[in-house]
Amino acid sequence: MAQETVKAFRMRLKPGFEAEYKKRHDEIWPELSQLLKEAGITEYYIFLDEETLALFAFQKLGSNDTTATLSGLPIMKRWWDHMADIMEVNPDNSPRAVECPEVFRL
């Protein structure tokens, strides 16, 4: 049996925006949610370390993984613009994300 493809990365929230970050994700746009699923994301989790404001994201990707193309899509750029005021971002407003290599799997 083949192992699932997974991707993990770390981002950072700006201080004082913990509740707003959760609220915006609780209200994620249905069209964005659908796009992520169509790109092959079968599961997507984001966890917050409240002490450091680090966000840890974990995605399970299906065999139809096209997530590499998401950054070029207008809806993704609109979401980045929507989130840029509460997160650390790159000049294009994409989240400043650091990939986390897998070191253990059970």
PDB file of N, CA and C in Angstrom:
ATOM      1  N   MET A   1       0.844  -1.192   0.000  1.00  0.00           N
ATOM      2  CA  MET A   1       0.000   0.000   0.000  1.00  0.00           C
ATOM      3  C   MET A   1       0.882   1.247   0.000  1.00  0.00           C
ATOM      4  N   ALA A   2       0.630   2.154  -0.913  1.00  0.00           N
ATOM      5  CA  ALA A   2       1.427   3.374  -1.011  1.00  0.00           C
ATOM      6  C   ALA A   2       1.090   4.325   0.131  1.00  0.00           C
ATOM      7  N   GLN A   3       2.119   5.017   0.606  1.00  0.00           N
ATOM      8  CA  GLN A   3       1.882   6.004   1.646  1.00  0.00           C
ATOM      9  C   GLN A   3       1.212   7.231   1.029  1.00  0.00           C
ATOM     10  N   GLU A   4       0.397   7.902   1.826  1.00  0.00           N
ATOM     11  CA  GLU A   4      -0.230   9.138   1.372  1.00  0.00           C
ATOM     12  C   GLU A   4       0.846  10.199   1.200  1.00  0.00           C
ATOM     13  N   THR A   5       0.606  11.092   0.261  1.00  0.00           N
ATOM     14  CA  THR A   5       1.479  12.242   0.124  1.00  0.00           C
ATOM     15  C   THR A   5       1.026  13.276   1.140  1.00  0.00           C
ATOM     16  N   VAL A   6       1.965  13.805   1.885  1.00  0.00           N
ATOM     17  CA  VAL A   6       1.636  14.824   2.876  1.00  0.00           C
ATOM     18  C   VAL A   6       2.578  16.009   2.706  1.00  0.00           C
ATOM     19  N   LYS A   7       2.099  17.144   3.134  1.00  0.00           N
ATOM     20  CA  LYS A   7       2.905  18.358   3.115  1.00  0.00           C
ATOM     21  C   LYS A   7       2.648  19.082   4.420  1.00  0.00           C
ATOM     22  N   ALA A   8       3.709  19.553   5.047  1.00  0.00           N
ATOM     23  CA  ALA A   8       3.579  20.322   6.283  1.00  0.00           C
ATOM     24  C   ALA A   8       4.409  21.593   6.147  1.00  0.00           C
ATOM     25  N   PHE A   9       3.892  22.661   6.723  1.00  0.00           N
ATOM     26  CA  PHE A   9       4.632  23.920   6.681  1.00  0.00           C
ATOM     27  C   PHE A   9       4.232  24.786   7.865  1.00  0.00           C
ATOM     28  N   ARG A  10       5.080  25.778   8.129  1.00  0.00           N
ATOM     29  CA  ARG A  10       4.890  26.675   9.271  1.00  0.00           C
ATOM     30  C   ARG A  10       4.720  28.099   8.759  1.00  0.00           C
ATOM     31  N   MET A  11       3.793  28.812   9.366  1.00  0.00           N
ATOM     32  CA  MET A  11       3.559  30.224   9.071  1.00  0.00           C
ATOM     33  C   MET A  11       3.531  30.954  10.412  1.00  0.00           C
ATOM     34  N   ARG A  12       3.342  32.273  10.382  1.00  0.00           N
ATOM     35  CA  ARG A  12       3.290  33.008  11.650  1.00  0.00           C
ATOM     36  C   ARG A  12       2.187  34.062  11.600  1.00  0.00           C
ATOM     37  N   LEU A  13       1.459  34.119  12.707  1.00  0.00           N
ATOM     38  CA  LEU A  13       0.375  35.064  12.898  1.00  0.00           C
ATOM     39  C   LEU A  13       0.932  36.330  13.553  1.00  0.00           C
ATOM     40  N   LYS A  14       0.351  37.472  13.224  1.00  0.00           N
ATOM     41  CA  LYS A  14       0.727  38.708  13.908  1.00  0.00           C
ATOM     42  C   LYS A  14       0.054  38.729  15.278  1.00  0.00           C
ATOM     43  N   PRO A  15       0.706  39.324  16.291  1.00  0.00           N
ATOM     44  CA  PRO A  15       0.135  39.348  17.648  1.00  0.00           C
ATOM     45  C   PRO A  15      -1.244  40.005  17.692  1.00  0.00           C
ATOM     46  N   GLY A  16      -2.120  39.396  18.481  1.00  0.00           N
ATOM     47  CA  GLY A  16      -3.440  39.943  18.706  1.00  0.00           C
ATOM     48  C   GLY A  16      -4.497  39.527  17.703  1.00  0.00           C
ATOM     49  N   PHE A  17      -4.146  38.687  16.741  1.00  0.00           N
ATOM     50  CA  PHE A  17      -5.089  38.310  15.692  1.00  0.00           C
ATOM     51  C   PHE A  17      -5.514  36.838  15.748  1.00  0.00           C
ATOM     52  N   GLU A  18      -5.328  36.205  16.883  1.00  0.00           N
ATOM     53  CA  GLU A  18      -5.675  34.797  17.009  1.00  0.00           C
ATOM     54  C   GLU A  18      -7.150  34.540  16.711  1.00  0.00           C
ATOM     55  N   ALA A  19      -8.036  35.302  17.332  1.00  0.00           N
ATOM     56  CA  ALA A  19      -9.474  35.101  17.143  1.00  0.00           C
ATOM     57  C   ALA A  19      -9.889  35.451  15.716  1.00  0.00           C
ATOM     58  N   GLU A  20      -9.324  36.501  15.160  1.00  0.00           N
ATOM     59  CA  GLU A  20      -9.674  36.906  13.798  1.00  0.00           C
ATOM     60  C   GLU A  20      -9.228  35.867  12.782  1.00  0.00           C
ATOM     61  N   TYR A  21      -8.054  35.270  12.992  1.00  0.00           N
ATOM     62  CA  TYR A  21      -7.569  34.227  12.085  1.00  0.00           C
ATOM     63  C   TYR A  21      -8.545  33.047  12.080  1.00  0.00           C
ATOM     64  N   LYS A  22      -8.953  32.620  13.268  1.00  0.00           N
ATOM     65  CA  LYS A  22      -9.904  31.505  13.366  1.00  0.00           C
ATOM     66  C   LYS A  22     -11.239  31.880  12.718  1.00  0.00           C
ATOM     67  N   LYS A  23     -11.730  33.090  12.970  1.00  0.00           N
ATOM     68  CA  LYS A  23     -12.999  33.545  12.408  1.00  0.00           C
ATOM     69  C   LYS A  23     -12.952  33.504  10.880  1.00  0.00           C
ATOM     70  N   ARG A  24     -11.891  34.023  10.296  1.00  0.00           N
ATOM     71  CA  ARG A  24     -11.796  34.051   8.831  1.00  0.00           C
ATOM     72  C   ARG A  24     -11.765  32.641   8.249  1.00  0.00           C
ATOM     73  N   HIS A  25     -11.120  31.724   8.946  1.00  0.00           N
ATOM     74  CA  HIS A  25     -11.099  30.347   8.444  1.00  0.00           C
ATOM     75  C   HIS A  25     -12.423  29.628   8.697  1.00  0.00           C
ATOM     76  N   ASP A  26     -13.109  29.983   9.774  1.00  0.00           N
ATOM     77  CA  ASP A  26     -14.443  29.428  10.005  1.00  0.00           C
ATOM     78  C   ASP A  26     -15.401  29.876   8.901  1.00  0.00           C
ATOM     79  N   GLU A  27     -15.116  31.021   8.303  1.00  0.00           N
ATOM     80  CA  GLU A  27     -15.967  31.595   7.252  1.00  0.00           C
ATOM     81  C   GLU A  27     -15.313  31.480   5.876  1.00  0.00           C
ATOM     82  N   ILE A  28     -14.425  30.483   5.690  1.00  0.00           N
ATOM     83  CA  ILE A  28     -13.714  30.346   4.419  1.00  0.00           C
ATOM     84  C   ILE A  28     -14.707  30.364   3.257  1.00  0.00           C
ATOM     85  N   TRP A  29     -14.332  31.035   2.209  1.00  0.00           N
ATOM     86  CA  TRP A  29     -15.214  31.148   1.043  1.00  0.00           C
ATOM     87  C   TRP A  29     -15.462  29.765   0.455  1.00  0.00           C
ATOM     88  N   PRO A  30     -16.703  29.418   0.193  1.00  0.00           N
ATOM     89  CA  PRO A  30     -17.013  28.096  -0.363  1.00  0.00           C
ATOM     90  C   PRO A  30     -16.264  27.814  -1.667  1.00  0.00           C
ATOM     91  N   GLU A  31     -16.113  28.828  -2.514  1.00  0.00           N
ATOM     92  CA  GLU A  31     -15.404  28.615  -3.780  1.00  0.00           C
ATOM     93  C   GLU A  31     -13.923  28.326  -3.567  1.00  0.00           C
ATOM     94  N   LEU A  32     -13.326  28.882  -2.501  1.00  0.00           N
ATOM     95  CA  LEU A  32     -11.929  28.578  -2.194  1.00  0.00           C
ATOM     96  C   LEU A  32     -11.814  27.166  -1.633  1.00  0.00           C
ATOM     97  N   SER A  33     -12.713  26.810  -0.752  1.00  0.00           N
ATOM     98  CA  SER A  33     -12.725  25.462  -0.197  1.00  0.00           C
ATOM     99  C   SER A  33     -12.842  24.423  -1.316  1.00  0.00           C
ATOM    100  N   GLN A  34     -13.730  24.669  -2.260  1.00  0.00           N
ATOM    101  CA  GLN A  34     -13.917  23.758  -3.393  1.00  0.00           C
ATOM    102  C   GLN A  34     -12.648  23.691  -4.246  1.00  0.00           C
ATOM    103  N   LEU A  35     -12.020  24.826  -4.480  1.00  0.00           N
ATOM    104  CA  LEU A  35     -10.794  24.862  -5.272  1.00  0.00           C
ATOM    105  C   LEU A  35      -9.679  24.037  -4.622  1.00  0.00           C
ATOM    106  N   LEU A  36      -9.542  24.142  -3.309  1.00  0.00           N
ATOM    107  CA  LEU A  36      -8.516  23.374  -2.603  1.00  0.00           C
ATOM    108  C   LEU A  36      -8.771  21.873  -2.747  1.00  0.00           C
ATOM    109  N   LYS A  37     -10.028  21.479  -2.648  1.00  0.00           N
ATOM    110  CA  LYS A  37     -10.369  20.065  -2.823  1.00  0.00           C
ATOM    111  C   LYS A  37     -10.081  19.608  -4.244  1.00  0.00           C
ATOM    112  N   GLU A  38     -10.431  20.435  -5.218  1.00  0.00           N
ATOM    113  CA  GLU A  38     -10.182  20.086  -6.617  1.00  0.00           C
ATOM    114  C   GLU A  38      -8.692  19.997  -6.922  1.00  0.00           C
ATOM    115  N   ALA A  39      -7.864  20.722  -6.156  1.00  0.00           N
ATOM    116  CA  ALA A  39      -6.407  20.688  -6.331  1.00  0.00           C
ATOM    117  C   ALA A  39      -5.786  19.451  -5.694  1.00  0.00           C
ATOM    118  N   GLY A  40      -6.623  18.626  -5.068  1.00  0.00           N
ATOM    119  CA  GLY A  40      -6.123  17.369  -4.522  1.00  0.00           C
ATOM    120  C   GLY A  40      -5.893  17.350  -3.026  1.00  0.00           C
ATOM    121  N   ILE A  41      -6.270  18.403  -2.318  1.00  0.00           N
ATOM    122  CA  ILE A  41      -6.119  18.417  -0.864  1.00  0.00           C
ATOM    123  C   ILE A  41      -7.295  17.654  -0.265  1.00  0.00           C
ATOM    124  N   THR A  42      -7.007  16.483   0.292  1.00  0.00           N
ATOM    125  CA  THR A  42      -8.071  15.662   0.868  1.00  0.00           C
ATOM    126  C   THR A  42      -8.312  15.983   2.336  1.00  0.00           C
ATOM    127  N   GLU A  43      -7.282  16.454   3.019  1.00  0.00           N
ATOM    128  CA  GLU A  43      -7.397  16.903   4.410  1.00  0.00           C
ATOM    129  C   GLU A  43      -6.433  18.066   4.595  1.00  0.00           C
ATOM    130  N   TYR A  44      -6.854  19.056   5.378  1.00  0.00           N
ATOM    131  CA  TYR A  44      -6.029  20.244   5.611  1.00  0.00           C
ATOM    132  C   TYR A  44      -6.266  20.683   7.045  1.00  0.00           C
ATOM    133  N   TYR A  45      -5.212  20.706   7.831  1.00  0.00           N
ATOM    134  CA  TYR A  45      -5.287  21.112   9.226  1.00  0.00           C
ATOM    135  C   TYR A  45      -4.327  22.272   9.452  1.00  0.00           C
ATOM    136  N   ILE A  46      -4.732  23.233  10.283  1.00  0.00           N
ATOM    137  CA  ILE A  46      -3.833  24.303  10.718  1.00  0.00           C
ATOM    138  C   ILE A  46      -3.958  24.372  12.235  1.00  0.00           C
ATOM    139  N   PHE A  47      -2.809  24.337  12.898  1.00  0.00           N
ATOM    140  CA  PHE A  47      -2.754  24.411  14.359  1.00  0.00           C
ATOM    141  C   PHE A  47      -2.004  25.678  14.758  1.00  0.00           C
ATOM    142  N   LEU A  48      -2.389  26.269  15.885  1.00  0.00           N
ATOM    143  CA  LEU A  48      -1.756  27.480  16.395  1.00  0.00           C
ATOM    144  C   LEU A  48      -0.995  27.182  17.678  1.00  0.00           C
ATOM    145  N   ASP A  49       0.275  27.565  17.712  1.00  0.00           N
ATOM    146  CA  ASP A  49       1.036  27.562  18.958  1.00  0.00           C
ATOM    147  C   ASP A  49       0.803  28.945  19.570  1.00  0.00           C
ATOM    148  N   GLU A  50      -0.043  29.023  20.581  1.00  0.00           N
ATOM    149  CA  GLU A  50      -0.439  30.309  21.157  1.00  0.00           C
ATOM    150  C   GLU A  50       0.715  31.061  21.800  1.00  0.00           C
ATOM    151  N   GLU A  51       1.756  30.360  22.210  1.00  0.00           N
ATOM    152  CA  GLU A  51       2.902  31.012  22.842  1.00  0.00           C
ATOM    153  C   GLU A  51       3.773  31.741  21.822  1.00  0.00           C
ATOM    154  N   THR A  52       3.986  31.131  20.654  1.00  0.00           N
ATOM    155  CA  THR A  52       4.884  31.719  19.648  1.00  0.00           C
ATOM    156  C   THR A  52       4.142  32.329  18.464  1.00  0.00           C
ATOM    157  N   LEU A  53       2.836  32.080  18.367  1.00  0.00           N
ATOM    158  CA  LEU A  53       1.989  32.486  17.246  1.00  0.00           C
ATOM    159  C   LEU A  53       2.371  31.788  15.941  1.00  0.00           C
ATOM    160  N   ALA A  54       3.114  30.685  16.058  1.00  0.00           N
ATOM    161  CA  ALA A  54       3.424  29.879  14.884  1.00  0.00           C
ATOM    162  C   ALA A  54       2.186  29.088  14.490  1.00  0.00           C
ATOM    163  N   LEU A  55       1.921  29.056  13.207  1.00  0.00           N
ATOM    164  CA  LEU A  55       0.832  28.265  12.635  1.00  0.00           C
ATOM    165  C   LEU A  55       1.469  27.065  11.968  1.00  0.00           C
ATOM    166  N   PHE A  56       1.033  25.883  12.310  1.00  0.00           N
ATOM    167  CA  PHE A  56       1.557  24.662  11.706  1.00  0.00           C
ATOM    168  C   PHE A  56       0.465  24.068  10.837  1.00  0.00           C
ATOM    169  N   ALA A  57       0.746  23.938   9.553  1.00  0.00           N
ATOM    170  CA  ALA A  57      -0.244  23.414   8.606  1.00  0.00           C
ATOM    171  C   ALA A  57       0.188  22.045   8.110  1.00  0.00           C
ATOM    172  N   PHE A  58      -0.804  21.178   7.933  1.00  0.00           N
ATOM    173  CA  PHE A  58      -0.585  19.813   7.489  1.00  0.00           C
ATOM    174  C   PHE A  58      -1.637  19.484   6.450  1.00  0.00           C
ATOM    175  N   GLN A  59      -1.190  19.021   5.283  1.00  0.00           N
ATOM    176  CA  GLN A  59      -2.114  18.665   4.212  1.00  0.00           C
ATOM    177  C   GLN A  59      -1.887  17.227   3.774  1.00  0.00           C
ATOM    178  N   LYS A  60      -2.975  16.503   3.540  1.00  0.00           N
ATOM    179  CA  LYS A  60      -2.919  15.210   2.860  1.00  0.00           C
ATOM    180  C   LYS A  60      -3.321  15.471   1.419  1.00  0.00           C
ATOM    181  N   LEU A  61      -2.521  14.943   0.502  1.00  0.00           N
ATOM    182  CA  LEU A  61      -2.734  15.210  -0.914  1.00  0.00           C
ATOM    183  C   LEU A  61      -3.065  13.932  -1.656  1.00  0.00           C
ATOM    184  N   GLY A  62      -4.072  13.983  -2.508  1.00  0.00           N
ATOM    185  CA  GLY A  62      -4.466  12.848  -3.320  1.00  0.00           C
ATOM    186  C   GLY A  62      -3.585  12.710  -4.544  1.00  0.00           C
ATOM    187  N   SER A  63      -3.833  11.689  -5.319  1.00  0.00           N
ATOM    188  CA  SER A  63      -3.038  11.425  -6.516  1.00  0.00           C
ATOM    189  C   SER A  63      -3.239  12.502  -7.581  1.00  0.00           C
ATOM    190  N   ASN A  64      -4.313  13.282  -7.460  1.00  0.00           N
ATOM    191  CA  ASN A  64      -4.578  14.365  -8.408  1.00  0.00           C
ATOM    192  C   ASN A  64      -4.010  15.700  -7.927  1.00  0.00           C
ATOM    193  N   ASP A  65      -2.936  15.688  -7.154  1.00  0.00           N
ATOM    194  CA  ASP A  65      -2.339  16.878  -6.551  1.00  0.00           C
ATOM    195  C   ASP A  65      -1.909  17.899  -7.611  1.00  0.00           C
ATOM    196  N   THR A  66      -2.566  19.042  -7.605  1.00  0.00           N
ATOM    197  CA  THR A  66      -2.168  20.165  -8.457  1.00  0.00           C
ATOM    198  C   THR A  66      -1.964  21.427  -7.616  1.00  0.00           C
ATOM    199  N   THR A  67      -1.627  21.241  -6.345  1.00  0.00           N
ATOM    200  CA  THR A  67      -1.499  22.385  -5.440  1.00  0.00           C
ATOM    201  C   THR A  67      -0.429  23.375  -5.884  1.00  0.00           C
ATOM    202  N   ALA A  68       0.556  22.931  -6.651  1.00  0.00           N
ATOM    203  CA  ALA A  68       1.613  23.834  -7.114  1.00  0.00           C
ATOM    204  C   ALA A  68       1.055  24.928  -8.025  1.00  0.00           C
ATOM    205  N   THR A  69      -0.110  24.711  -8.609  1.00  0.00           N
ATOM    206  CA  THR A  69      -0.696  25.702  -9.519  1.00  0.00           C
ATOM    207  C   THR A  69      -1.581  26.719  -8.796  1.00  0.00           C
ATOM    208  N   LEU A  70      -1.887  26.497  -7.523  1.00  0.00           N
ATOM    209  CA  LEU A  70      -2.817  27.367  -6.804  1.00  0.00           C
ATOM    210  C   LEU A  70      -2.348  28.819  -6.734  1.00  0.00           C
ATOM    211  N   SER A  71      -1.052  29.039  -6.599  1.00  0.00           N
ATOM    212  CA  SER A  71      -0.547  30.406  -6.413  1.00  0.00           C
ATOM    213  C   SER A  71      -0.821  31.309  -7.608  1.00  0.00           C
ATOM    214  N   GLY A  72      -1.092  30.755  -8.766  1.00  0.00           N
ATOM    215  CA  GLY A  72      -1.368  31.557  -9.944  1.00  0.00           C
ATOM    216  C   GLY A  72      -2.841  31.883 -10.155  1.00  0.00           C
ATOM    217  N   LEU A  73      -3.694  31.394  -9.273  1.00  0.00           N
ATOM    218  CA  LEU A  73      -5.138  31.567  -9.462  1.00  0.00           C
ATOM    219  C   LEU A  73      -5.664  32.817  -8.749  1.00  0.00           C
ATOM    220  N   PRO A  74      -6.540  33.584  -9.393  1.00  0.00           N
ATOM    221  CA  PRO A  74      -7.053  34.828  -8.806  1.00  0.00           C
ATOM    222  C   PRO A  74      -7.689  34.660  -7.431  1.00  0.00           C
ATOM    223  N   ILE A  75      -8.461  33.597  -7.216  1.00  0.00           N
ATOM    224  CA  ILE A  75      -9.114  33.425  -5.910  1.00  0.00           C
ATOM    225  C   ILE A  75      -8.091  33.212  -4.800  1.00  0.00           C
ATOM    226  N   MET A  76      -6.991  32.529  -5.116  1.00  0.00           N
ATOM    227  CA  MET A  76      -5.946  32.321  -4.112  1.00  0.00           C
ATOM    228  C   MET A  76      -5.300  33.658  -3.753  1.00  0.00           C
ATOM    229  N   LYS A  77      -5.043  34.473  -4.768  1.00  0.00           N
ATOM    230  CA  LYS A  77      -4.447  35.796  -4.525  1.00  0.00           C
ATOM    231  C   LYS A  77      -5.395  36.687  -3.724  1.00  0.00           C
ATOM    232  N   ARG A  78      -6.709  36.590  -3.987  1.00  0.00           N
ATOM    233  CA  ARG A  78      -7.679  37.358  -3.200  1.00  0.00           C
ATOM    234  C   ARG A  78      -7.669  36.922  -1.739  1.00  0.00           C
ATOM    235  N   TRP A  79      -7.542  35.593  -1.505  1.00  0.00           N
ATOM    236  CA  TRP A  79      -7.478  35.087  -0.123  1.00  0.00           C
ATOM    237  C   TRP A  79      -6.219  35.602   0.560  1.00  0.00           C
ATOM    238  N   TRP A  80      -5.100  35.561  -0.136  1.00  0.00           N
ATOM    239  CA  TRP A  80      -3.860  36.085   0.451  1.00  0.00           C
ATOM    240  C   TRP A  80      -4.020  37.554   0.832  1.00  0.00           C
ATOM    241  N   ASP A  81      -4.613  38.351  -0.065  1.00  0.00           N
ATOM    242  CA  ASP A  81      -4.840  39.770   0.233  1.00  0.00           C
ATOM    243  C   ASP A  81      -5.744  39.918   1.453  1.00  0.00           C
ATOM    244  N   HIS A  82      -6.746  39.071   1.572  1.00  0.00           N
ATOM    245  CA  HIS A  82      -7.699  39.081   2.687  1.00  0.00           C
ATOM    246  C   HIS A  82      -7.012  38.767   4.013  1.00  0.00           C
ATOM    247  N   MET A  83      -5.970  37.936   3.974  1.00  0.00           N
ATOM    248  CA  MET A  83      -5.285  37.502   5.188  1.00  0.00           C
ATOM    249  C   MET A  83      -4.017  38.304   5.503  1.00  0.00           C
ATOM    250  N   ALA A  84      -3.559  39.123   4.585  1.00  0.00           N
ATOM    251  CA  ALA A  84      -2.250  39.783   4.714  1.00  0.00           C
ATOM    252  C   ALA A  84      -2.129  40.691   5.929  1.00  0.00           C
ATOM    253  N   ASP A  85      -3.224  41.254   6.400  1.00  0.00           N
ATOM    254  CA  ASP A  85      -3.133  42.177   7.529  1.00  0.00           C
ATOM    255  C   ASP A  85      -2.930  41.469   8.870  1.00  0.00           C
ATOM    256  N   ILE A  86      -3.102  40.155   8.914  1.00  0.00           N
ATOM    257  CA  ILE A  86      -2.999  39.462  10.210  1.00  0.00           C
ATOM    258  C   ILE A  86      -1.898  38.406  10.258  1.00  0.00           C
ATOM    259  N   MET A  87      -1.160  38.234   9.147  1.00  0.00           N
ATOM    260  CA  MET A  87      -0.108  37.218   9.083  1.00  0.00           C
ATOM    261  C   MET A  87       1.180  37.828   8.555  1.00  0.00           C
ATOM    262  N   GLU A  88       2.292  37.144   8.796  1.00  0.00           N
ATOM    263  CA  GLU A  88       3.538  37.517   8.141  1.00  0.00           C
ATOM    264  C   GLU A  88       3.451  37.034   6.700  1.00  0.00           C
ATOM    265  N   VAL A  89       3.710  37.942   5.745  1.00  0.00           N
ATOM    266  CA  VAL A  89       3.534  37.618   4.334  1.00  0.00           C
ATOM    267  C   VAL A  89       4.752  38.044   3.508  1.00  0.00           C
ATOM    268  N   ASN A  90       4.808  37.498   2.306  1.00  0.00           N
ATOM    269  CA  ASN A  90       5.807  37.872   1.307  1.00  0.00           C
ATOM    270  C   ASN A  90       5.321  39.121   0.571  1.00  0.00           C
ATOM    271  N   PRO A  91       6.179  39.727  -0.277  1.00  0.00           N
ATOM    272  CA  PRO A  91       5.753  40.932  -1.016  1.00  0.00           C
ATOM    273  C   PRO A  91       4.483  40.752  -1.853  1.00  0.00           C
ATOM    274  N   ASP A  92       4.180  39.533  -2.314  1.00  0.00           N
ATOM    275  CA  ASP A  92       2.960  39.295  -3.094  1.00  0.00           C
ATOM    276  C   ASP A  92       1.757  38.947  -2.210  1.00  0.00           C
ATOM    277  N   ASN A  93       1.914  39.108  -0.901  1.00  0.00           N
ATOM    278  CA  ASN A  93       0.894  38.812   0.124  1.00  0.00           C
ATOM    279  C   ASN A  93       0.691  37.323   0.377  1.00  0.00           C
ATOM    280  N   SER A  94       1.438  36.448  -0.277  1.00  0.00           N
ATOM    281  CA  SER A  94       1.358  35.025   0.061  1.00  0.00           C
ATOM    282  C   SER A  94       1.923  34.841   1.468  1.00  0.00           C
ATOM    283  N   PRO A  95       1.395  33.886   2.210  1.00  0.00           N
ATOM    284  CA  PRO A  95       1.914  33.670   3.562  1.00  0.00           C
ATOM    285  C   PRO A  95       3.396  33.312   3.520  1.00  0.00           C
ATOM    286  N   ARG A  96       4.155  33.876   4.430  1.00  0.00           N
ATOM    287  CA  ARG A  96       5.553  33.482   4.558  1.00  0.00           C
ATOM    288  C   ARG A  96       5.545  32.089   5.190  1.00  0.00           C
ATOM    289  N   ALA A  97       5.809  31.075   4.371  1.00  0.00           N
ATOM    290  CA  ALA A  97       5.702  29.682   4.812  1.00  0.00           C
ATOM    291  C   ALA A  97       7.048  28.991   4.698  1.00  0.00           C
ATOM    292  N   VAL A  98       7.340  28.182   5.699  1.00  0.00           N
ATOM    293  CA  VAL A  98       8.563  27.387   5.722  1.00  0.00           C
ATOM    294  C   VAL A  98       8.148  25.921   5.717  1.00  0.00           C
ATOM    295  N   GLU A  99       8.611  25.176   4.731  1.00  0.00           N
ATOM    296  CA  GLU A  99       8.280  23.746   4.677  1.00  0.00           C
ATOM    297  C   GLU A  99       8.916  23.022   5.860  1.00  0.00           C
ATOM    298  N   CYS A 100       8.192  22.054   6.402  1.00  0.00           N
ATOM    299  CA  CYS A 100       8.672  21.238   7.509  1.00  0.00           C
ATOM    300  C   CYS A 100       8.875  19.818   7.003  1.00  0.00           C
ATOM    301  N   PRO A 101      10.117  19.336   7.022  1.00  0.00           N
ATOM    302  CA  PRO A 101      10.363  17.965   6.527  1.00  0.00           C
ATOM    303  C   PRO A 101       9.830  16.924   7.498  1.00  0.00           C
ATOM    304  N   GLU A 102       9.385  15.839   6.924  1.00  0.00           N
ATOM    305  CA  GLU A 102       8.906  14.724   7.747  1.00  0.00           C
ATOM    306  C   GLU A 102      10.096  14.021   8.381  1.00  0.00           C
ATOM    307  N   VAL A 103      10.003  13.768   9.679  1.00  0.00           N
ATOM    308  CA  VAL A 103      11.063  13.054  10.380  1.00  0.00           C
ATOM    309  C   VAL A 103      10.563  11.788  11.070  1.00  0.00           C
ATOM    310  N   PHE A 104       9.247  11.590  11.095  1.00  0.00           N
ATOM    311  CA  PHE A 104       8.692  10.388  11.728  1.00  0.00           C
ATOM    312  C   PHE A 104       7.288  10.160  11.213  1.00  0.00           C
ATOM    313  N   ARG A 105       6.934   8.896  11.057  1.00  0.00           N
ATOM    314  CA  ARG A 105       5.569   8.507  10.682  1.00  0.00           C
ATOM    315  C   ARG A 105       5.260   7.179  11.350  1.00  0.00           C
ATOM    316  N   LEU A 106       4.093   7.063  11.954  1.00  0.00           N
ATOM    317  CA  LEU A 106       3.662   5.821  12.615  1.00  0.00           C
ATOM    318  C   LEU A 106       2.545   5.214  11.801  1.00  0.00           C
TER     319      LEU A 106
END
